[in-house]
Amino acid sequence: MSLSRLWQQQGKSEEARKLLAEIYGWFTEGFATQDLREAQALLAVLGPRSA
């Protein structure tokens, strides 16, 4: 989360989204936890994948 936020601030939103989406994808449960809710919110801010 911290690295993704830093990259977002540095204008590297696509790299931030890729990193966070890959790690978020590892999870199969626990989506109600604070950490995963924050990750999901940050992914929403970072936007969809670039074409």
N, C-alpha and C. Protein backbone atom coordinates (compact mmCIF):
# COMPACT_ATOMS: atom_id res chain seq x y z
N MET A 1 0.83 -1.18 0.00
CA MET A 1 0.00 0.00 0.00
C MET A 1 0.87 1.25 0.00
N SER A 2 1.88 1.27 0.84
CA SER A 2 2.73 2.47 0.93
C SER A 2 3.46 2.74 -0.37
N LEU A 3 4.01 1.70 -0.96
CA LEU A 3 4.73 1.88 -2.22
C LEU A 3 3.78 2.32 -3.33
N SER A 4 2.60 1.74 -3.36
CA SER A 4 1.62 2.14 -4.37
C SER A 4 1.22 3.60 -4.19
N ARG A 5 1.04 4.02 -2.96
CA ARG A 5 0.69 5.43 -2.70
C ARG A 5 1.82 6.35 -3.13
N LEU A 6 3.06 5.96 -2.81
CA LEU A 6 4.21 6.78 -3.20
C LEU A 6 4.28 6.90 -4.72
N TRP A 7 4.15 5.79 -5.42
CA TRP A 7 4.21 5.82 -6.87
C TRP A 7 3.07 6.65 -7.44
N GLN A 8 1.90 6.57 -6.83
CA GLN A 8 0.78 7.39 -7.29
C GLN A 8 1.14 8.87 -7.17
N GLN A 9 1.72 9.27 -6.06
CA GLN A 9 2.12 10.66 -5.84
C GLN A 9 3.20 11.09 -6.82
N GLN A 10 4.01 10.15 -7.27
CA GLN A 10 5.09 10.45 -8.21
C GLN A 10 4.63 10.38 -9.66
N GLY A 11 3.34 10.17 -9.86
CA GLY A 11 2.81 10.10 -11.22
C GLY A 11 2.98 8.75 -11.89
N LYS A 12 3.26 7.73 -11.11
CA LYS A 12 3.44 6.38 -11.65
C LYS A 12 2.21 5.53 -11.32
N SER A 13 1.05 6.04 -11.66
CA SER A 13 -0.21 5.38 -11.28
C SER A 13 -0.35 3.99 -11.88
N GLU A 14 0.05 3.80 -13.12
CA GLU A 14 -0.07 2.48 -13.75
C GLU A 14 0.80 1.46 -13.03
N GLU A 15 2.02 1.83 -12.70
CA GLU A 15 2.91 0.91 -11.98
C GLU A 15 2.34 0.61 -10.60
N ALA A 16 1.80 1.63 -9.94
CA ALA A 16 1.20 1.46 -8.62
C ALA A 16 0.01 0.50 -8.69
N ARG A 17 -0.84 0.69 -9.71
CA ARG A 17 -2.00 -0.17 -9.86
C ARG A 17 -1.60 -1.62 -10.14
N LYS A 18 -0.61 -1.80 -11.02
CA LYS A 18 -0.15 -3.16 -11.35
C LYS A 18 0.36 -3.88 -10.12
N LEU A 19 1.20 -3.21 -9.34
CA LEU A 19 1.77 -3.82 -8.14
C LEU A 19 0.68 -4.21 -7.16
N LEU A 20 -0.19 -3.27 -6.85
CA LEU A 20 -1.22 -3.52 -5.86
C LEU A 20 -2.23 -4.55 -6.35
N ALA A 21 -2.60 -4.50 -7.62
CA ALA A 21 -3.57 -5.46 -8.17
C ALA A 21 -3.01 -6.88 -8.13
N GLU A 22 -1.73 -7.02 -8.41
CA GLU A 22 -1.13 -8.36 -8.37
C GLU A 22 -1.19 -8.93 -6.96
N ILE A 23 -0.82 -8.15 -5.98
CA ILE A 23 -0.82 -8.64 -4.59
C ILE A 23 -2.25 -8.85 -4.10
N TYR A 24 -3.13 -7.93 -4.42
CA TYR A 24 -4.54 -8.06 -4.02
C TYR A 24 -5.13 -9.35 -4.59
N GLY A 25 -4.72 -9.71 -5.77
CA GLY A 25 -5.21 -10.93 -6.42
C GLY A 25 -4.80 -12.21 -5.74
N TRP A 26 -3.78 -12.15 -4.89
CA TRP A 26 -3.35 -13.35 -4.16
C TRP A 26 -4.38 -13.79 -3.12
N PHE A 27 -5.20 -12.86 -2.66
CA PHE A 27 -6.13 -13.14 -1.57
C PHE A 27 -7.39 -13.82 -2.08
N THR A 28 -7.86 -14.78 -1.29
CA THR A 28 -9.09 -15.49 -1.63
C THR A 28 -10.15 -15.28 -0.55
N GLU A 29 -9.74 -14.68 0.56
CA GLU A 29 -10.68 -14.40 1.65
C GLU A 29 -10.15 -13.21 2.45
N GLY A 30 -10.95 -12.75 3.37
CA GLY A 30 -10.53 -11.64 4.22
C GLY A 30 -10.79 -10.27 3.63
N PHE A 31 -11.68 -10.20 2.65
CA PHE A 31 -11.92 -8.94 1.97
C PHE A 31 -12.63 -7.90 2.84
N ALA A 32 -13.11 -8.32 4.00
CA ALA A 32 -13.76 -7.39 4.92
C ALA A 32 -12.76 -6.75 5.88
N THR A 33 -11.50 -7.18 5.83
CA THR A 33 -10.49 -6.61 6.72
C THR A 33 -10.14 -5.19 6.28
N GLN A 34 -9.68 -4.42 7.24
CA GLN A 34 -9.34 -3.02 6.96
C GLN A 34 -8.28 -2.90 5.85
N ASP A 35 -7.25 -3.72 5.90
CA ASP A 35 -6.17 -3.64 4.91
C ASP A 35 -6.68 -3.89 3.50
N LEU A 36 -7.48 -4.91 3.33
CA LEU A 36 -7.97 -5.23 1.98
C LEU A 36 -9.03 -4.23 1.52
N ARG A 37 -9.80 -3.68 2.44
CA ARG A 37 -10.75 -2.63 2.05
C ARG A 37 -9.99 -1.39 1.57
N GLU A 38 -8.90 -1.05 2.27
CA GLU A 38 -8.08 0.09 1.85
C GLU A 38 -7.41 -0.18 0.51
N ALA A 39 -6.94 -1.39 0.30
CA ALA A 39 -6.32 -1.74 -0.98
C ALA A 39 -7.35 -1.63 -2.11
N GLN A 40 -8.55 -2.12 -1.87
CA GLN A 40 -9.60 -2.04 -2.89
C GLN A 40 -9.93 -0.58 -3.20
N ALA A 41 -9.99 0.25 -2.18
CA ALA A 41 -10.29 1.68 -2.39
C ALA A 41 -9.17 2.35 -3.20
N LEU A 42 -7.92 2.03 -2.88
CA LEU A 42 -6.81 2.61 -3.63
C LEU A 42 -6.82 2.13 -5.08
N LEU A 43 -7.13 0.88 -5.29
CA LEU A 43 -7.23 0.38 -6.67
C LEU A 43 -8.32 1.13 -7.44
N ALA A 44 -9.41 1.44 -6.78
CA ALA A 44 -10.49 2.19 -7.43
C ALA A 44 -10.00 3.60 -7.82
N VAL A 45 -9.21 4.21 -6.95
CA VAL A 45 -8.67 5.55 -7.24
C VAL A 45 -7.66 5.48 -8.38
N LEU A 46 -6.85 4.42 -8.40
CA LEU A 46 -5.83 4.29 -9.43
C LEU A 46 -6.43 4.02 -10.80
N GLY A 47 -7.65 3.50 -10.81
CA GLY A 47 -8.37 3.34 -12.07
C GLY A 47 -8.13 2.01 -12.73
N PRO A 48 -8.82 1.81 -13.86
CA PRO A 48 -8.69 0.56 -14.60
C PRO A 48 -7.36 0.43 -15.30
N ARG A 49 -7.08 -0.77 -15.73
CA ARG A 49 -5.83 -1.04 -16.47
C ARG A 49 -5.77 -0.19 -17.72
N SER A 50 -4.58 0.23 -18.07
CA SER A 50 -4.38 0.95 -19.33
C SER A 50 -4.39 -0.05 -20.48
N ALA A 51 -4.81 0.41 -21.62
CA ALA A 51 -4.85 -0.47 -22.80
C ALA A 51 -3.49 -0.59 -23.43
